[in-house]
Amino acid sequence: MHEVSQPLFIGDLNMKLEQAVKEIRAAFEEIKGKHLQNLCREMVEPPTRSQMFRSPPRIGRNEKCPCGSGKKFKKCCMVKGLL
């Protein structure tokens, strides 16, 4: 009789294990679906107006020239019309 009860016990454990695996997979699919929805929403939303028309920061006339010459911008690239 001892041998008969043991296979039933193992069968119960297998059924519980299979049920737990199904629940974990269902929870994973739900989380994965929500995550994908958030990613898609972020990718589809158009940029705001300020993001589309943002201009680069302006260089002041008396600041050093960004070309690295060490001269003021007004005496270097501003005169050349490069920047």
PDB file of N, CA and C in Angstrom:
ATOM      1  N   MET A   1       0.811  -1.198   0.000  1.00  0.00           N
ATOM      2  CA  MET A   1       0.000   0.000   0.000  1.00  0.00           C
ATOM      3  C   MET A   1       0.853   1.260   0.000  1.00  0.00           C
ATOM      4  N   HIS A   2       1.993   1.143   0.575  1.00  0.00           N
ATOM      5  CA  HIS A   2       2.853   2.313   0.618  1.00  0.00           C
ATOM      6  C   HIS A   2       3.235   2.772  -0.790  1.00  0.00           C
ATOM      7  N   GLU A   3       3.461   1.827  -1.681  1.00  0.00           N
ATOM      8  CA  GLU A   3       3.831   2.150  -3.053  1.00  0.00           C
ATOM      9  C   GLU A   3       2.673   2.788  -3.812  1.00  0.00           C
ATOM     10  N   VAL A   4       1.468   2.439  -3.484  1.00  0.00           N
ATOM     11  CA  VAL A   4       0.300   2.980  -4.171  1.00  0.00           C
ATOM     12  C   VAL A   4       0.092   4.446  -3.786  1.00  0.00           C
ATOM     13  N   SER A   5       0.283   4.794  -2.515  1.00  0.00           N
ATOM     14  CA  SER A   5       0.057   6.178  -2.082  1.00  0.00           C
ATOM     15  C   SER A   5       1.156   7.115  -2.591  1.00  0.00           C
ATOM     16  N   GLN A   6       2.348   6.612  -2.760  1.00  0.00           N
ATOM     17  CA  GLN A   6       3.445   7.455  -3.210  1.00  0.00           C
ATOM     18  C   GLN A   6       3.222   7.969  -4.635  1.00  0.00           C
ATOM     19  N   PRO A   7       2.852   7.131  -5.619  1.00  0.00           N
ATOM     20  CA  PRO A   7       2.595   7.660  -6.958  1.00  0.00           C
ATOM     21  C   PRO A   7       1.450   8.666  -6.976  1.00  0.00           C
ATOM     22  N   LEU A   8       0.437   8.490  -6.140  1.00  0.00           N
ATOM     23  CA  LEU A   8      -0.635   9.479  -6.071  1.00  0.00           C
ATOM     24  C   LEU A   8      -0.105  10.802  -5.544  1.00  0.00           C
ATOM     25  N   PHE A   9       0.784  10.729  -4.558  1.00  0.00           N
ATOM     26  CA  PHE A   9       1.369  11.941  -3.986  1.00  0.00           C
ATOM     27  C   PHE A   9       2.217  12.671  -5.029  1.00  0.00           C
ATOM     28  N   ILE A  10       3.016  11.917  -5.773  1.00  0.00           N
ATOM     29  CA  ILE A  10       3.836  12.518  -6.824  1.00  0.00           C
ATOM     30  C   ILE A  10       2.940  13.094  -7.919  1.00  0.00           C
ATOM     31  N   GLY A  11       1.853  12.397  -8.234  1.00  0.00           N
ATOM     32  CA  GLY A  11       0.913  12.907  -9.231  1.00  0.00           C
ATOM     33  C   GLY A  11       0.281  14.208  -8.783  1.00  0.00           C
ATOM     34  N   ASP A  12      -0.060  14.310  -7.485  1.00  0.00           N
ATOM     35  CA  ASP A  12      -0.613  15.568  -6.962  1.00  0.00           C
ATOM     36  C   ASP A  12       0.399  16.698  -7.056  1.00  0.00           C
ATOM     37  N   LEU A  13       1.651  16.377  -6.742  1.00  0.00           N
ATOM     38  CA  LEU A  13       2.698  17.393  -6.834  1.00  0.00           C
ATOM     39  C   LEU A  13       2.891  17.861  -8.272  1.00  0.00           C
ATOM     40  N   ASN A  14       2.863  16.915  -9.199  1.00  0.00           N
ATOM     41  CA  ASN A  14       3.001  17.270 -10.608  1.00  0.00           C
ATOM     42  C   ASN A  14       1.858  18.177 -11.066  1.00  0.00           C
ATOM     43  N   MET A  15       0.642  17.858 -10.616  1.00  0.00           N
ATOM     44  CA  MET A  15      -0.504  18.692 -10.992  1.00  0.00           C
ATOM     45  C   MET A  15      -0.368  20.096 -10.405  1.00  0.00           C
ATOM     46  N   LYS A  16       0.068  20.175  -9.149  1.00  0.00           N
ATOM     47  CA  LYS A  16       0.257  21.489  -8.516  1.00  0.00           C
ATOM     48  C   LYS A  16       1.367  22.267  -9.204  1.00  0.00           C
ATOM     49  N   LEU A  17       2.427  21.556  -9.561  1.00  0.00           N
ATOM     50  CA  LEU A  17       3.542  22.196 -10.259  1.00  0.00           C
ATOM     51  C   LEU A  17       3.105  22.719 -11.622  1.00  0.00           C
ATOM     52  N   GLU A  18       2.364  21.926 -12.356  1.00  0.00           N
ATOM     53  CA  GLU A  18       1.872  22.361 -13.666  1.00  0.00           C
ATOM     54  C   GLU A  18       0.949  23.578 -13.528  1.00  0.00           C
ATOM     55  N   GLN A  19       0.108  23.590 -12.506  1.00  0.00           N
ATOM     56  CA  GLN A  19      -0.788  24.721 -12.274  1.00  0.00           C
ATOM     57  C   GLN A  19       0.016  25.973 -11.938  1.00  0.00           C
ATOM     58  N   ALA A  20       1.057  25.827 -11.117  1.00  0.00           N
ATOM     59  CA  ALA A  20       1.900  26.969 -10.757  1.00  0.00           C
ATOM     60  C   ALA A  20       2.616  27.519 -11.994  1.00  0.00           C
ATOM     61  N   VAL A  21       3.105  26.625 -12.844  1.00  0.00           N
ATOM     62  CA  VAL A  21       3.786  27.059 -14.071  1.00  0.00           C
ATOM     63  C   VAL A  21       2.812  27.813 -14.972  1.00  0.00           C
ATOM     64  N   LYS A  22       1.587  27.328 -15.086  1.00  0.00           N
ATOM     65  CA  LYS A  22       0.577  28.020 -15.899  1.00  0.00           C
ATOM     66  C   LYS A  22       0.294  29.413 -15.351  1.00  0.00           C
ATOM     67  N   GLU A  23       0.184  29.538 -14.023  1.00  0.00           N
ATOM     68  CA  GLU A  23      -0.085  30.840 -13.413  1.00  0.00           C
ATOM     69  C   GLU A  23       1.077  31.802 -13.629  1.00  0.00           C
ATOM     70  N   ILE A  24       2.296  31.302 -13.506  1.00  0.00           N
ATOM     71  CA  ILE A  24       3.478  32.149 -13.715  1.00  0.00           C
ATOM     72  C   ILE A  24       3.548  32.605 -15.171  1.00  0.00           C
ATOM     73  N   ARG A  25       3.288  31.702 -16.100  1.00  0.00           N
ATOM     74  CA  ARG A  25       3.302  32.076 -17.524  1.00  0.00           C
ATOM     75  C   ARG A  25       2.227  33.125 -17.830  1.00  0.00           C
ATOM     76  N   ALA A  26       1.042  32.955 -17.253  1.00  0.00           N
ATOM     77  CA  ALA A  26      -0.041  33.918 -17.481  1.00  0.00           C
ATOM     78  C   ALA A  26       0.342  35.288 -16.922  1.00  0.00           C
ATOM     79  N   ALA A  27       0.931  35.314 -15.729  1.00  0.00           N
ATOM     80  CA  ALA A  27       1.361  36.581 -15.138  1.00  0.00           C
ATOM     81  C   ALA A  27       2.450  37.228 -15.992  1.00  0.00           C
ATOM     82  N   PHE A  28       3.386  36.417 -16.491  1.00  0.00           N
ATOM     83  CA  PHE A  28       4.451  36.940 -17.341  1.00  0.00           C
ATOM     84  C   PHE A  28       3.890  37.535 -18.623  1.00  0.00           C
ATOM     85  N   GLU A  29       2.963  36.850 -19.254  1.00  0.00           N
ATOM     86  CA  GLU A  29       2.355  37.354 -20.489  1.00  0.00           C
ATOM     87  C   GLU A  29       1.613  38.667 -20.243  1.00  0.00           C
ATOM     88  N   GLU A  30       0.947  38.767 -19.097  1.00  0.00           N
ATOM     89  CA  GLU A  30       0.230  40.002 -18.769  1.00  0.00           C
ATOM     90  C   GLU A  30       1.210  41.157 -18.590  1.00  0.00           C
ATOM     91  N   ILE A  31       2.296  40.914 -17.857  1.00  0.00           N
ATOM     92  CA  ILE A  31       3.303  41.963 -17.642  1.00  0.00           C
ATOM     93  C   ILE A  31       3.963  42.330 -18.962  1.00  0.00           C
ATOM     94  N   LYS A  32       4.294  41.321 -19.769  1.00  0.00           N
ATOM     95  CA  LYS A  32       4.941  41.568 -21.062  1.00  0.00           C
ATOM     96  C   LYS A  32       4.024  42.398 -21.960  1.00  0.00           C
ATOM     97  N   GLY A  33       2.726  42.084 -21.961  1.00  0.00           N
ATOM     98  CA  GLY A  33       1.772  42.829 -22.780  1.00  0.00           C
ATOM     99  C   GLY A  33       1.679  44.285 -22.361  1.00  0.00           C
ATOM    100  N   LYS A  34       1.639  44.534 -21.052  1.00  0.00           N
ATOM    101  CA  LYS A  34       1.577  45.915 -20.570  1.00  0.00           C
ATOM    102  C   LYS A  34       2.844  46.665 -20.930  1.00  0.00           C
ATOM    103  N   HIS A  35       3.996  46.001 -20.799  1.00  0.00           N
ATOM    104  CA  HIS A  35       5.271  46.644 -21.118  1.00  0.00           C
ATOM    105  C   HIS A  35       5.335  46.997 -22.604  1.00  0.00           C
ATOM    106  N   LEU A  36       4.895  46.083 -23.467  1.00  0.00           N
ATOM    107  CA  LEU A  36       4.900  46.350 -24.905  1.00  0.00           C
ATOM    108  C   LEU A  36       3.942  47.483 -25.261  1.00  0.00           C
ATOM    109  N   GLN A  37       2.797  47.550 -24.584  1.00  0.00           N
ATOM    110  CA  GLN A  37       1.855  48.645 -24.832  1.00  0.00           C
ATOM    111  C   GLN A  37       2.485  49.981 -24.481  1.00  0.00           C
ATOM    112  N   ASN A  38       3.201  50.031 -23.359  1.00  0.00           N
ATOM    113  CA  ASN A  38       3.865  51.274 -22.965  1.00  0.00           C
ATOM    114  C   ASN A  38       4.942  51.662 -23.965  1.00  0.00           C
ATOM    115  N   LEU A  39       5.710  50.680 -24.436  1.00  0.00           N
ATOM    116  CA  LEU A  39       6.748  50.972 -25.426  1.00  0.00           C
ATOM    117  C   LEU A  39       6.138  51.496 -26.719  1.00  0.00           C
ATOM    118  N   CYS A  40       5.061  50.858 -27.169  1.00  0.00           N
ATOM    119  CA  CYS A  40       4.407  51.288 -28.405  1.00  0.00           C
ATOM    120  C   CYS A  40       3.833  52.696 -28.243  1.00  0.00           C
ATOM    121  N   ARG A  41       3.250  52.980 -27.096  1.00  0.00           N
ATOM    122  CA  ARG A  41       2.679  54.309 -26.859  1.00  0.00           C
ATOM    123  C   ARG A  41       3.781  55.368 -26.908  1.00  0.00           C
ATOM    124  N   GLU A  42       4.949  55.067 -26.329  1.00  0.00           N
ATOM    125  CA  GLU A  42       6.053  56.021 -26.346  1.00  0.00           C
ATOM    126  C   GLU A  42       6.562  56.239 -27.766  1.00  0.00           C
ATOM    127  N   MET A  43       6.561  55.182 -28.569  1.00  0.00           N
ATOM    128  CA  MET A  43       7.081  55.301 -29.928  1.00  0.00           C
ATOM    129  C   MET A  43       6.103  56.024 -30.847  1.00  0.00           C
ATOM    130  N   VAL A  44       4.802  55.931 -30.593  1.00  0.00           N
ATOM    131  CA  VAL A  44       3.801  56.482 -31.486  1.00  0.00           C
ATOM    132  C   VAL A  44       3.496  57.946 -31.181  1.00  0.00           C
ATOM    133  N   GLU A  45       3.641  58.365 -29.932  1.00  0.00           N
ATOM    134  CA  GLU A  45       3.299  59.739 -29.581  1.00  0.00           C
ATOM    135  C   GLU A  45       4.199  60.717 -30.340  1.00  0.00           C
ATOM    136  N   PRO A  46       3.607  61.683 -31.026  1.00  0.00           N
ATOM    137  CA  PRO A  46       4.413  62.642 -31.780  1.00  0.00           C
ATOM    138  C   PRO A  46       5.136  63.598 -30.836  1.00  0.00           C
ATOM    139  N   PRO A  47       6.242  64.175 -31.286  1.00  0.00           N
ATOM    140  CA  PRO A  47       6.947  65.139 -30.447  1.00  0.00           C
ATOM    141  C   PRO A  47       6.108  66.397 -30.247  1.00  0.00           C
ATOM    142  N   THR A  48       6.336  67.066 -29.140  1.00  0.00           N
ATOM    143  CA  THR A  48       5.601  68.307 -28.885  1.00  0.00           C
ATOM    144  C   THR A  48       6.130  69.408 -29.789  1.00  0.00           C
ATOM    145  N   ARG A  49       5.391  70.493 -29.865  1.00  0.00           N
ATOM    146  CA  ARG A  49       5.778  71.599 -30.729  1.00  0.00           C
ATOM    147  C   ARG A  49       7.136  72.183 -30.330  1.00  0.00           C
ATOM    148  N   SER A  50       7.380  72.287 -29.024  1.00  0.00           N
ATOM    149  CA  SER A  50       8.662  72.844 -28.580  1.00  0.00           C
ATOM    150  C   SER A  50       9.821  71.901 -28.920  1.00  0.00           C
ATOM    151  N   GLN A  51       9.569  70.595 -28.944  1.00  0.00           N
ATOM    152  CA  GLN A  51      10.618  69.651 -29.316  1.00  0.00           C
ATOM    153  C   GLN A  51      10.920  69.725 -30.806  1.00  0.00           C
ATOM    154  N   MET A  52       9.914  70.013 -31.616  1.00  0.00           N
ATOM    155  CA  MET A  52      10.114  70.040 -33.062  1.00  0.00           C
ATOM    156  C   MET A  52      10.863  71.288 -33.514  1.00  0.00           C
ATOM    157  N   PHE A  53      10.619  72.417 -32.859  1.00  0.00           N
ATOM    158  CA  PHE A  53      11.151  73.682 -33.346  1.00  0.00           C
ATOM    159  C   PHE A  53      12.185  74.304 -32.415  1.00  0.00           C
ATOM    160  N   ARG A  54      12.837  73.493 -31.618  1.00  0.00           N
ATOM    161  CA  ARG A  54      13.835  74.020 -30.708  1.00  0.00           C
ATOM    162  C   ARG A  54      15.093  74.383 -31.490  1.00  0.00           C
ATOM    163  N   SER A  55      15.542  75.612 -31.349  1.00  0.00           N
ATOM    164  CA  SER A  55      16.748  76.046 -32.046  1.00  0.00           C
ATOM    165  C   SER A  55      17.959  75.833 -31.136  1.00  0.00           C
ATOM    166  N   PRO A  56      19.124  75.649 -31.728  1.00  0.00           N
ATOM    167  CA  PRO A  56      20.322  75.462 -30.912  1.00  0.00           C
ATOM    168  C   PRO A  56      20.652  76.756 -30.161  1.00  0.00           C
ATOM    169  N   PRO A  57      21.360  76.665 -29.046  1.00  0.00           N
ATOM    170  CA  PRO A  57      21.694  77.879 -28.305  1.00  0.00           C
ATOM    171  C   PRO A  57      22.546  78.814 -29.156  1.00  0.00           C
ATOM    172  N   ARG A  58      22.270  80.092 -29.033  1.00  0.00           N
ATOM    173  CA  ARG A  58      22.997  81.083 -29.825  1.00  0.00           C
ATOM    174  C   ARG A  58      24.336  81.393 -29.187  1.00  0.00           C
ATOM    175  N   ILE A  59      25.273  81.773 -30.008  1.00  0.00           N
ATOM    176  CA  ILE A  59      26.598  82.148 -29.548  1.00  0.00           C
ATOM    177  C   ILE A  59      26.629  83.671 -29.458  1.00  0.00           C
ATOM    178  N   GLY A  60      27.027  84.150 -28.311  1.00  0.00           N
ATOM    179  CA  GLY A  60      27.128  85.600 -28.146  1.00  0.00           C
ATOM    180  C   GLY A  60      28.321  86.161 -28.907  1.00  0.00           C
ATOM    181  N   ARG A  61      28.212  87.412 -29.310  1.00  0.00           N
ATOM    182  CA  ARG A  61      29.289  88.041 -30.087  1.00  0.00           C
ATOM    183  C   ARG A  61      30.606  88.088 -29.326  1.00  0.00           C
ATOM    184  N   ASN A  62      30.544  88.324 -28.028  1.00  0.00           N
ATOM    185  CA  ASN A  62      31.765  88.485 -27.243  1.00  0.00           C
ATOM    186  C   ASN A  62      32.247  87.196 -26.583  1.00  0.00           C
ATOM    187  N   GLU A  63      31.589  86.071 -26.858  1.00  0.00           N
ATOM    188  CA  GLU A  63      32.059  84.792 -26.331  1.00  0.00           C
ATOM    189  C   GLU A  63      33.197  84.261 -27.188  1.00  0.00           C
ATOM    190  N   LYS A  64      33.965  83.333 -26.612  1.00  0.00           N
ATOM    191  CA  LYS A  64      35.039  82.724 -27.396  1.00  0.00           C
ATOM    192  C   LYS A  64      34.421  81.921 -28.536  1.00  0.00           C
ATOM    193  N   CYS A  65      35.107  81.894 -29.647  1.00  0.00           N
ATOM    194  CA  CYS A  65      34.612  81.196 -30.829  1.00  0.00           C
ATOM    195  C   CYS A  65      34.635  79.685 -30.598  1.00  0.00           C
ATOM    196  N   PRO A  66      33.577  78.977 -30.976  1.00  0.00           N
ATOM    197  CA  PRO A  66      33.546  77.528 -30.771  1.00  0.00           C
ATOM    198  C   PRO A  66      34.509  76.752 -31.671  1.00  0.00           C
ATOM    199  N   CYS A  67      35.134  77.403 -32.644  1.00  0.00           N
ATOM    200  CA  CYS A  67      36.072  76.696 -33.514  1.00  0.00           C
ATOM    201  C   CYS A  67      37.381  76.379 -32.791  1.00  0.00           C
ATOM    202  N   GLY A  68      37.612  77.028 -31.640  1.00  0.00           N
ATOM    203  CA  GLY A  68      38.806  76.734 -30.857  1.00  0.00           C
ATOM    204  C   GLY A  68      39.979  77.647 -31.150  1.00  0.00           C
ATOM    205  N   SER A  69      39.788  78.713 -31.900  1.00  0.00           N
ATOM    206  CA  SER A  69      40.907  79.606 -32.231  1.00  0.00           C
ATOM    207  C   SER A  69      41.329  80.463 -31.046  1.00  0.00           C
ATOM    208  N   GLY A  70      40.448  80.667 -30.088  1.00  0.00           N
ATOM    209  CA  GLY A  70      40.761  81.515 -28.939  1.00  0.00           C
ATOM    210  C   GLY A  70      40.326  82.955 -29.143  1.00  0.00           C
ATOM    211  N   LYS A  71      39.917  83.305 -30.351  1.00  0.00           N
ATOM    212  CA  LYS A  71      39.451  84.660 -30.632  1.00  0.00           C
ATOM    213  C   LYS A  71      37.996  84.793 -30.219  1.00  0.00           C
ATOM    214  N   LYS A  72      37.536  86.044 -30.133  1.00  0.00           N
ATOM    215  CA  LYS A  72      36.111  86.262 -29.901  1.00  0.00           C
ATOM    216  C   LYS A  72      35.355  85.872 -31.165  1.00  0.00           C
ATOM    217  N   PHE A  73      34.117  85.447 -30.961  1.00  0.00           N
ATOM    218  CA  PHE A  73      33.294  84.992 -32.084  1.00  0.00           C
ATOM    219  C   PHE A  73      33.127  86.091 -33.123  1.00  0.00           C
ATOM    220  N   LYS A  74      32.962  87.357 -32.685  1.00  0.00           N
ATOM    221  CA  LYS A  74      32.715  88.447 -33.634  1.00  0.00           C
ATOM    222  C   LYS A  74      33.923  88.722 -34.524  1.00  0.00           C
ATOM    223  N   LYS A  75      35.119  88.332 -34.094  1.00  0.00           N
ATOM    224  CA  LYS A  75      36.325  88.579 -34.897  1.00  0.00           C
ATOM    225  C   LYS A  75      36.783  87.334 -35.655  1.00  0.00           C
ATOM    226  N   CYS A  76      36.064  86.215 -35.477  1.00  0.00           N
ATOM    227  CA  CYS A  76      36.514  84.962 -36.093  1.00  0.00           C
ATOM    228  C   CYS A  76      35.464  84.440 -37.079  1.00  0.00           C
ATOM    229  N   CYS A  77      34.666  83.499 -36.645  1.00  0.00           N
ATOM    230  CA  CYS A  77      33.727  82.815 -37.534  1.00  0.00           C
ATOM    231  C   CYS A  77      32.492  83.634 -37.864  1.00  0.00           C
ATOM    232  N   MET A  78      32.123  84.615 -37.037  1.00  0.00           N
ATOM    233  CA  MET A  78      30.975  85.445 -37.357  1.00  0.00           C
ATOM    234  C   MET A  78      31.254  86.262 -38.620  1.00  0.00           C
ATOM    235  N   VAL A  79      32.484  86.744 -38.725  1.00  0.00           N
ATOM    236  CA  VAL A  79      32.872  87.510 -39.909  1.00  0.00           C
ATOM    237  C   VAL A  79      32.922  86.592 -41.136  1.00  0.00           C
ATOM    238  N   LYS A  80      33.400  85.377 -40.938  1.00  0.00           N
ATOM    239  CA  LYS A  80      33.504  84.432 -42.045  1.00  0.00           C
ATOM    240  C   LYS A  80      32.131  83.854 -42.434  1.00  0.00           C
ATOM    241  N   GLY A  81      31.187  83.954 -41.519  1.00  0.00           N
ATOM    242  CA  GLY A  81      29.845  83.421 -41.788  1.00  0.00           C
ATOM    243  C   GLY A  81      29.769  81.913 -41.704  1.00  0.00           C
ATOM    244  N   LEU A  82      30.660  81.282 -40.936  1.00  0.00           N
ATOM    245  CA  LEU A  82      30.681  79.827 -40.846  1.00  0.00           C
ATOM    246  C   LEU A  82      29.645  79.283 -39.877  1.00  0.00           C
ATOM    247  N   LEU A  83      29.397  79.973 -38.766  1.00  0.00           N
ATOM    248  CA  LEU A  83      28.452  79.454 -37.782  1.00  0.00           C
ATOM    249  C   LEU A  83      27.218  80.313 -37.718  1.00  0.00           C
TER     250      LEU A  83
END
